[in-house]
Amino acid sequence: MCDVKKYEAIFEEIMRLQPDDTMQLVLEAETEEQKSFYEMVGDFLLQSKQRQVIEGNLF
C-alpha cells in the first residue's frame, strides 16, 4: 500500500511550481521520459490557471 500522505505532499509541492520552474525542469531533464513528465505537469498547471480565470470571468 502506498503512503498517501507522501503523495499528497508531492502534489502540494507541484501545485506551487511557477511556469519558470517547470521550464527549468524540462530543460534540465536527464531523460526524455522526465522531460515528457515535466511538460505534462506544466500543461496541467497552465490548464488549472486557465480554468480559474474562466470561472472567475477574469478574461
N, C-alpha and C. Protein backbone atom coordinates (compact mmCIF):
# COMPACT_ATOMS: atom_id res chain seq x y z
N MET A 1 0.85 -1.18 0.00
CA MET A 1 0.00 0.00 0.00
C MET A 1 0.89 1.24 0.00
N CYS A 2 0.50 2.25 -0.76
CA CYS A 2 1.33 3.45 -0.86
C CYS A 2 1.08 4.41 0.31
N ASP A 3 2.04 5.27 0.50
CA ASP A 3 1.98 6.29 1.55
C ASP A 3 1.24 7.51 1.01
N VAL A 4 -0.06 7.58 1.24
CA VAL A 4 -0.91 8.62 0.69
C VAL A 4 -0.43 10.00 1.11
N LYS A 5 -0.05 10.16 2.35
CA LYS A 5 0.40 11.47 2.85
C LYS A 5 1.62 11.96 2.07
N LYS A 6 2.52 11.03 1.73
CA LYS A 6 3.72 11.39 0.98
C LYS A 6 3.33 11.96 -0.39
N TYR A 7 2.38 11.32 -1.06
CA TYR A 7 1.97 11.77 -2.38
C TYR A 7 1.12 13.03 -2.32
N GLU A 8 0.39 13.22 -1.24
CA GLU A 8 -0.32 14.49 -1.06
C GLU A 8 0.67 15.64 -0.93
N ALA A 9 1.76 15.41 -0.21
CA ALA A 9 2.79 16.43 -0.05
C ALA A 9 3.46 16.73 -1.39
N ILE A 10 3.71 15.70 -2.18
CA ILE A 10 4.29 15.89 -3.51
C ILE A 10 3.34 16.70 -4.38
N PHE A 11 2.07 16.37 -4.33
CA PHE A 11 1.06 17.11 -5.10
C PHE A 11 1.06 18.58 -4.73
N GLU A 12 1.05 18.87 -3.44
CA GLU A 12 1.04 20.27 -2.98
C GLU A 12 2.29 21.01 -3.46
N GLU A 13 3.42 20.34 -3.42
CA GLU A 13 4.68 20.94 -3.89
C GLU A 13 4.60 21.24 -5.39
N ILE A 14 4.08 20.31 -6.15
CA ILE A 14 3.94 20.51 -7.60
C ILE A 14 3.00 21.66 -7.89
N MET A 15 1.93 21.77 -7.15
CA MET A 15 0.95 22.84 -7.39
C MET A 15 1.54 24.22 -7.13
N ARG A 16 2.63 24.31 -6.39
CA ARG A 16 3.27 25.60 -6.12
C ARG A 16 4.29 26.00 -7.20
N LEU A 17 4.54 25.11 -8.16
CA LEU A 17 5.51 25.42 -9.20
C LEU A 17 5.03 26.59 -10.06
N GLN A 18 5.95 27.41 -10.46
CA GLN A 18 5.68 28.52 -11.36
C GLN A 18 6.08 28.10 -12.77
N PRO A 19 5.57 28.80 -13.80
CA PRO A 19 5.94 28.45 -15.18
C PRO A 19 7.45 28.38 -15.41
N ASP A 20 8.20 29.31 -14.83
CA ASP A 20 9.66 29.27 -14.98
C ASP A 20 10.25 28.01 -14.36
N ASP A 21 9.65 27.55 -13.27
CA ASP A 21 10.13 26.33 -12.62
C ASP A 21 9.95 25.12 -13.52
N THR A 22 8.75 25.01 -14.12
CA THR A 22 8.51 23.86 -14.97
C THR A 22 9.39 23.92 -16.22
N MET A 23 9.64 25.12 -16.75
CA MET A 23 10.52 25.25 -17.90
C MET A 23 11.93 24.79 -17.54
N GLN A 24 12.40 25.16 -16.36
CA GLN A 24 13.73 24.73 -15.92
C GLN A 24 13.79 23.21 -15.79
N LEU A 25 12.74 22.63 -15.24
CA LEU A 25 12.70 21.17 -15.10
C LEU A 25 12.76 20.49 -16.47
N VAL A 26 12.02 21.03 -17.43
CA VAL A 26 12.03 20.47 -18.78
C VAL A 26 13.42 20.58 -19.39
N LEU A 27 14.00 21.75 -19.29
CA LEU A 27 15.31 21.99 -19.91
C LEU A 27 16.43 21.17 -19.28
N GLU A 28 16.30 20.87 -18.00
CA GLU A 28 17.35 20.14 -17.30
C GLU A 28 17.04 18.66 -17.10
N ALA A 29 15.96 18.19 -17.70
CA ALA A 29 15.59 16.78 -17.58
C ALA A 29 16.70 15.91 -18.15
N GLU A 30 16.97 14.82 -17.46
CA GLU A 30 18.05 13.92 -17.88
C GLU A 30 17.59 12.90 -18.91
N THR A 31 16.29 12.62 -18.96
CA THR A 31 15.78 11.64 -19.92
C THR A 31 14.57 12.22 -20.64
N GLU A 32 14.23 11.62 -21.76
CA GLU A 32 13.04 12.04 -22.50
C GLU A 32 11.78 11.78 -21.68
N GLU A 33 11.81 10.71 -20.90
CA GLU A 33 10.66 10.38 -20.06
C GLU A 33 10.44 11.47 -19.01
N GLN A 34 11.51 11.93 -18.37
CA GLN A 34 11.40 13.01 -17.40
C GLN A 34 10.91 14.29 -18.08
N LYS A 35 11.48 14.59 -19.23
CA LYS A 35 11.09 15.79 -19.97
C LYS A 35 9.59 15.75 -20.28
N SER A 36 9.12 14.62 -20.75
CA SER A 36 7.71 14.46 -21.08
C SER A 36 6.84 14.64 -19.83
N PHE A 37 7.27 14.08 -18.72
CA PHE A 37 6.53 14.21 -17.46
C PHE A 37 6.43 15.68 -17.04
N TYR A 38 7.57 16.39 -17.06
CA TYR A 38 7.56 17.79 -16.65
C TYR A 38 6.74 18.65 -17.60
N GLU A 39 6.73 18.31 -18.88
CA GLU A 39 5.89 19.03 -19.83
C GLU A 39 4.41 18.83 -19.50
N MET A 40 4.05 17.59 -19.14
CA MET A 40 2.66 17.30 -18.75
C MET A 40 2.28 18.06 -17.48
N VAL A 41 3.20 18.13 -16.54
CA VAL A 41 2.95 18.88 -15.30
C VAL A 41 2.72 20.35 -15.63
N GLY A 42 3.57 20.92 -16.49
CA GLY A 42 3.42 22.31 -16.89
C GLY A 42 2.09 22.55 -17.58
N ASP A 43 1.69 21.63 -18.47
CA ASP A 43 0.40 21.75 -19.15
C ASP A 43 -0.75 21.69 -18.15
N PHE A 44 -0.65 20.78 -17.19
CA PHE A 44 -1.69 20.65 -16.17
C PHE A 44 -1.83 21.94 -15.37
N LEU A 45 -0.71 22.50 -14.96
CA LEU A 45 -0.75 23.74 -14.17
C LEU A 45 -1.31 24.89 -14.98
N LEU A 46 -0.94 24.98 -16.26
CA LEU A 46 -1.48 26.03 -17.13
C LEU A 46 -2.99 25.87 -17.30
N GLN A 47 -3.44 24.65 -17.52
CA GLN A 47 -4.87 24.41 -17.66
C GLN A 47 -5.62 24.75 -16.38
N SER A 48 -5.02 24.47 -15.24
CA SER A 48 -5.66 24.80 -13.96
C SER A 48 -5.82 26.31 -13.81
N LYS A 49 -4.78 27.05 -14.18
CA LYS A 49 -4.86 28.51 -14.10
C LYS A 49 -5.87 29.06 -15.10
N GLN A 50 -5.92 28.50 -16.30
CA GLN A 50 -6.90 28.91 -17.29
C GLN A 50 -8.31 28.68 -16.79
N ARG A 51 -8.53 27.53 -16.16
CA ARG A 51 -9.84 27.21 -15.61
C ARG A 51 -10.26 28.24 -14.55
N GLN A 52 -9.32 28.64 -13.69
CA GLN A 52 -9.60 29.64 -12.65
C GLN A 52 -9.97 30.98 -13.27
N VAL A 53 -9.27 31.36 -14.32
CA VAL A 53 -9.53 32.64 -14.98
C VAL A 53 -10.91 32.62 -15.62
N ILE A 54 -11.24 31.53 -16.30
CA ILE A 54 -12.55 31.42 -16.96
C ILE A 54 -13.67 31.40 -15.93
N GLU A 55 -13.50 30.62 -14.87
CA GLU A 55 -14.55 30.55 -13.83
C GLU A 55 -14.72 31.87 -13.12
N GLY A 56 -13.67 32.65 -13.00
CA GLY A 56 -13.75 33.93 -12.33
C GLY A 56 -14.08 35.10 -13.24
N ASN A 57 -14.36 34.77 -14.52
CA ASN A 57 -14.63 35.82 -15.51
C ASN A 57 -13.57 36.89 -15.50
N LEU A 58 -12.31 36.47 -15.43
CA LEU A 58 -11.19 37.41 -15.34
C LEU A 58 -10.56 37.70 -16.69
N PHE A 59 -11.16 37.22 -17.76
CA PHE A 59 -10.56 37.45 -19.08
C PHE A 59 -11.27 38.54 -19.82
